[in-house]
Amino acid sequence: MEISMFIAYAVVGVLLALTLTASATFTLQRNDQIVANMQKVQVPDSWLPRLAALKAAGAIGLVAGLWVTPLGVAAAVGVTLYFIGAVISHLRVKDYELAPAAVLTLVAAAALTLRILA
């Protein structure tokens, strides 16, 4: 069972890492859609590089977590908390277009669960 949990973590973790990498890249490039979403939830423009760095760190940690279990767990916790914060940010300004953040919260929580069980 452990090997199948590890394989499941590998698939979910790597796909989530790819998503985070793309999001970090678009954030650093100040993609119009990303900037508009951040402005909608009142995130200061000066936070964009920091948020991109957090996404990149999460991606690196998820991949490194394939070899170093505690790092994978820590990264999955961090990414889950990041996206919980994103959901809260949307709700705070009564923006209910939060499906991407909610889905990524669930995927990050799944990665965390799978890494703990593997």
C-alpha atoms as a PDB file:
ATOM      1  CA  MET A   1       0.000   0.000   0.000  1.00  0.00           C
ATOM      2  CA  GLU A   2       2.854   2.402   0.774  1.00  0.00           C
ATOM      3  CA  ILE A   3       4.210   2.177  -2.771  1.00  0.00           C
ATOM      4  CA  SER A   4       0.830   3.024  -4.291  1.00  0.00           C
ATOM      5  CA  MET A   5       0.509   5.999  -1.901  1.00  0.00           C
ATOM      6  CA  PHE A   6       3.978   7.134  -2.917  1.00  0.00           C
ATOM      7  CA  ILE A   7       3.097   6.866  -6.606  1.00  0.00           C
ATOM      8  CA  ALA A   8      -0.114   8.810  -5.975  1.00  0.00           C
ATOM      9  CA  TYR A   9       1.882  11.496  -4.105  1.00  0.00           C
ATOM     10  CA  ALA A  10       4.419  11.605  -6.934  1.00  0.00           C
ATOM     11  CA  VAL A  11       1.688  12.221  -9.515  1.00  0.00           C
ATOM     12  CA  VAL A  12      -0.270  14.758  -7.449  1.00  0.00           C
ATOM     13  CA  GLY A  13       2.851  16.464  -6.087  1.00  0.00           C
ATOM     14  CA  VAL A  14       4.548  16.848  -9.456  1.00  0.00           C
ATOM     15  CA  LEU A  15       1.361  18.109 -11.162  1.00  0.00           C
ATOM     16  CA  LEU A  16       0.820  20.591  -8.334  1.00  0.00           C
ATOM     17  CA  ALA A  17       4.485  21.647  -8.573  1.00  0.00           C
ATOM     18  CA  LEU A  18       4.077  22.271 -12.304  1.00  0.00           C
ATOM     19  CA  THR A  19       0.968  24.362 -11.639  1.00  0.00           C
ATOM     20  CA  LEU A  20       2.790  26.354  -8.945  1.00  0.00           C
ATOM     21  CA  THR A  21       5.768  26.898 -11.243  1.00  0.00           C
ATOM     22  CA  ALA A  22       3.525  28.235 -13.997  1.00  0.00           C
ATOM     23  CA  SER A  23       1.655  30.449 -11.548  1.00  0.00           C
ATOM     24  CA  ALA A  24       4.892  31.796 -10.063  1.00  0.00           C
ATOM     25  CA  THR A  25       6.206  32.534 -13.546  1.00  0.00           C
ATOM     26  CA  PHE A  26       3.014  34.340 -14.572  1.00  0.00           C
ATOM     27  CA  THR A  27       3.035  36.274 -11.300  1.00  0.00           C
ATOM     28  CA  LEU A  28       6.634  37.415 -11.822  1.00  0.00           C
ATOM     29  CA  GLN A  29       5.804  38.390 -15.409  1.00  0.00           C
ATOM     30  CA  ARG A  30       2.838  40.371 -14.076  1.00  0.00           C
ATOM     31  CA  ASN A  31       0.396  38.535 -16.331  1.00  0.00           C
ATOM     32  CA  ASP A  32      -2.704  40.701 -16.835  1.00  0.00           C
ATOM     33  CA  GLN A  33      -5.100  38.068 -15.500  1.00  0.00           C
ATOM     34  CA  ILE A  34      -2.974  37.375 -12.408  1.00  0.00           C
ATOM     35  CA  VAL A  35      -2.592  41.088 -11.663  1.00  0.00           C
ATOM     36  CA  ALA A  36      -6.342  41.665 -12.127  1.00  0.00           C
ATOM     37  CA  ASN A  37      -7.157  38.805  -9.734  1.00  0.00           C
ATOM     38  CA  MET A  38      -4.691  40.092  -7.151  1.00  0.00           C
ATOM     39  CA  GLN A  39      -6.136  43.602  -7.409  1.00  0.00           C
ATOM     40  CA  LYS A  40      -9.648  42.192  -7.036  1.00  0.00           C
ATOM     41  CA  VAL A  41      -8.707  40.703  -3.665  1.00  0.00           C
ATOM     42  CA  GLN A  42      -6.753  43.843  -2.693  1.00  0.00           C
ATOM     43  CA  VAL A  43      -3.272  42.318  -2.718  1.00  0.00           C
ATOM     44  CA  PRO A  44      -0.674  45.098  -2.957  1.00  0.00           C
ATOM     45  CA  ASP A  45       1.399  45.016  -6.133  1.00  0.00           C
ATOM     46  CA  SER A  46       4.548  44.950  -4.011  1.00  0.00           C
ATOM     47  CA  TRP A  47       3.553  41.501  -2.707  1.00  0.00           C
ATOM     48  CA  LEU A  48       3.638  39.837  -6.140  1.00  0.00           C
ATOM     49  CA  PRO A  49       7.350  38.880  -6.071  1.00  0.00           C
ATOM     50  CA  ARG A  50       6.991  37.466  -2.537  1.00  0.00           C
ATOM     51  CA  LEU A  51       3.920  35.455  -3.464  1.00  0.00           C
ATOM     52  CA  ALA A  52       5.691  34.150  -6.573  1.00  0.00           C
ATOM     53  CA  ALA A  53       8.647  33.135  -4.400  1.00  0.00           C
ATOM     54  CA  LEU A  54       6.328  31.253  -2.038  1.00  0.00           C
ATOM     55  CA  LYS A  55       4.783  29.382  -4.971  1.00  0.00           C
ATOM     56  CA  ALA A  56       8.228  28.534  -6.368  1.00  0.00           C
ATOM     57  CA  ALA A  57       9.431  27.358  -2.952  1.00  0.00           C
ATOM     58  CA  GLY A  58       6.342  25.179  -2.626  1.00  0.00           C
ATOM     59  CA  ALA A  59       6.987  23.645  -6.042  1.00  0.00           C
ATOM     60  CA  ILE A  60      10.614  22.902  -5.187  1.00  0.00           C
ATOM     61  CA  GLY A  61       9.643  21.442  -1.817  1.00  0.00           C
ATOM     62  CA  LEU A  62       6.976  19.184  -3.295  1.00  0.00           C
ATOM     63  CA  VAL A  63       9.436  17.746  -5.808  1.00  0.00           C
ATOM     64  CA  ALA A  64      12.234  17.439  -3.243  1.00  0.00           C
ATOM     65  CA  GLY A  65       9.677  15.710  -1.040  1.00  0.00           C
ATOM     66  CA  LEU A  66       9.886  12.721  -3.355  1.00  0.00           C
ATOM     67  CA  TRP A  67      13.256  12.004  -1.703  1.00  0.00           C
ATOM     68  CA  VAL A  68      12.991  13.808   1.639  1.00  0.00           C
ATOM     69  CA  THR A  69       9.652  13.028   3.258  1.00  0.00           C
ATOM     70  CA  PRO A  70       9.670  15.804   5.910  1.00  0.00           C
ATOM     71  CA  LEU A  71      10.388  18.383   3.211  1.00  0.00           C
ATOM     72  CA  GLY A  72       7.474  17.122   1.121  1.00  0.00           C
ATOM     73  CA  VAL A  73       5.180  17.265   4.129  1.00  0.00           C
ATOM     74  CA  ALA A  74       6.348  20.783   5.038  1.00  0.00           C
ATOM     75  CA  ALA A  75       5.921  21.983   1.448  1.00  0.00           C
ATOM     76  CA  ALA A  76       2.442  20.476   1.203  1.00  0.00           C
ATOM     77  CA  VAL A  77       1.472  22.134   4.505  1.00  0.00           C
ATOM     78  CA  GLY A  78       2.793  25.464   3.244  1.00  0.00           C
ATOM     79  CA  VAL A  79       1.022  25.210  -0.117  1.00  0.00           C
ATOM     80  CA  THR A  80      -2.236  24.187   1.585  1.00  0.00           C
ATOM     81  CA  LEU A  81      -2.006  27.188   3.928  1.00  0.00           C
ATOM     82  CA  TYR A  82      -1.143  29.476   0.997  1.00  0.00           C
ATOM     83  CA  PHE A  83      -4.303  28.509  -0.864  1.00  0.00           C
ATOM     84  CA  ILE A  84      -6.457  28.613   2.288  1.00  0.00           C
ATOM     85  CA  GLY A  85      -5.231  32.200   2.552  1.00  0.00           C
ATOM     86  CA  ALA A  86      -6.190  32.772  -1.072  1.00  0.00           C
ATOM     87  CA  VAL A  87      -9.716  31.475  -0.440  1.00  0.00           C
ATOM     88  CA  ILE A  88     -10.016  33.677   2.648  1.00  0.00           C
ATOM     89  CA  SER A  89      -8.782  36.670   0.632  1.00  0.00           C
ATOM     90  CA  HIS A  90     -11.528  36.109  -1.937  1.00  0.00           C
ATOM     91  CA  LEU A  91     -14.206  35.693   0.717  1.00  0.00           C
ATOM     92  CA  ARG A  92     -13.005  38.779   2.618  1.00  0.00           C
ATOM     93  CA  VAL A  93     -13.828  41.011  -0.364  1.00  0.00           C
ATOM     94  CA  LYS A  94     -16.991  39.044  -1.210  1.00  0.00           C
ATOM     95  CA  ASP A  95     -15.475  37.714  -4.445  1.00  0.00           C
ATOM     96  CA  TYR A  96     -17.044  34.320  -4.945  1.00  0.00           C
ATOM     97  CA  GLU A  97     -15.054  33.448  -8.063  1.00  0.00           C
ATOM     98  CA  LEU A  98     -12.719  31.359  -5.976  1.00  0.00           C
ATOM     99  CA  ALA A  99     -12.954  27.952  -7.644  1.00  0.00           C
ATOM    100  CA  PRO A 100      -9.276  27.865  -8.738  1.00  0.00           C
ATOM    101  CA  ALA A 101      -8.042  28.698  -5.235  1.00  0.00           C
ATOM    102  CA  ALA A 102     -10.484  26.230  -3.652  1.00  0.00           C
ATOM    103  CA  VAL A 103      -9.501  23.417  -6.022  1.00  0.00           C
ATOM    104  CA  LEU A 104      -5.796  24.052  -5.448  1.00  0.00           C
ATOM    105  CA  THR A 105      -6.429  24.006  -1.681  1.00  0.00           C
ATOM    106  CA  LEU A 106      -7.965  20.556  -2.039  1.00  0.00           C
ATOM    107  CA  VAL A 107      -5.170  19.308  -4.318  1.00  0.00           C
ATOM    108  CA  ALA A 108      -2.547  20.586  -1.873  1.00  0.00           C
ATOM    109  CA  ALA A 109      -4.382  18.893   1.016  1.00  0.00           C
ATOM    110  CA  ALA A 110      -4.472  15.673  -1.023  1.00  0.00           C
ATOM    111  CA  ALA A 111      -0.713  15.936  -1.626  1.00  0.00           C
ATOM    112  CA  LEU A 112      -0.179  16.424   2.104  1.00  0.00           C
ATOM    113  CA  THR A 113      -2.324  13.427   2.988  1.00  0.00           C
ATOM    114  CA  LEU A 114      -0.665  11.216   0.404  1.00  0.00           C
ATOM    115  CA  ARG A 115       2.867  12.220   1.484  1.00  0.00           C
ATOM    116  CA  ILE A 116       2.057  11.478   5.112  1.00  0.00           C
ATOM    117  CA  LEU A 117       0.606   8.066   4.185  1.00  0.00           C
ATOM    118  CA  ALA A 118       3.389   7.080   1.794  1.00  0.00           C
END
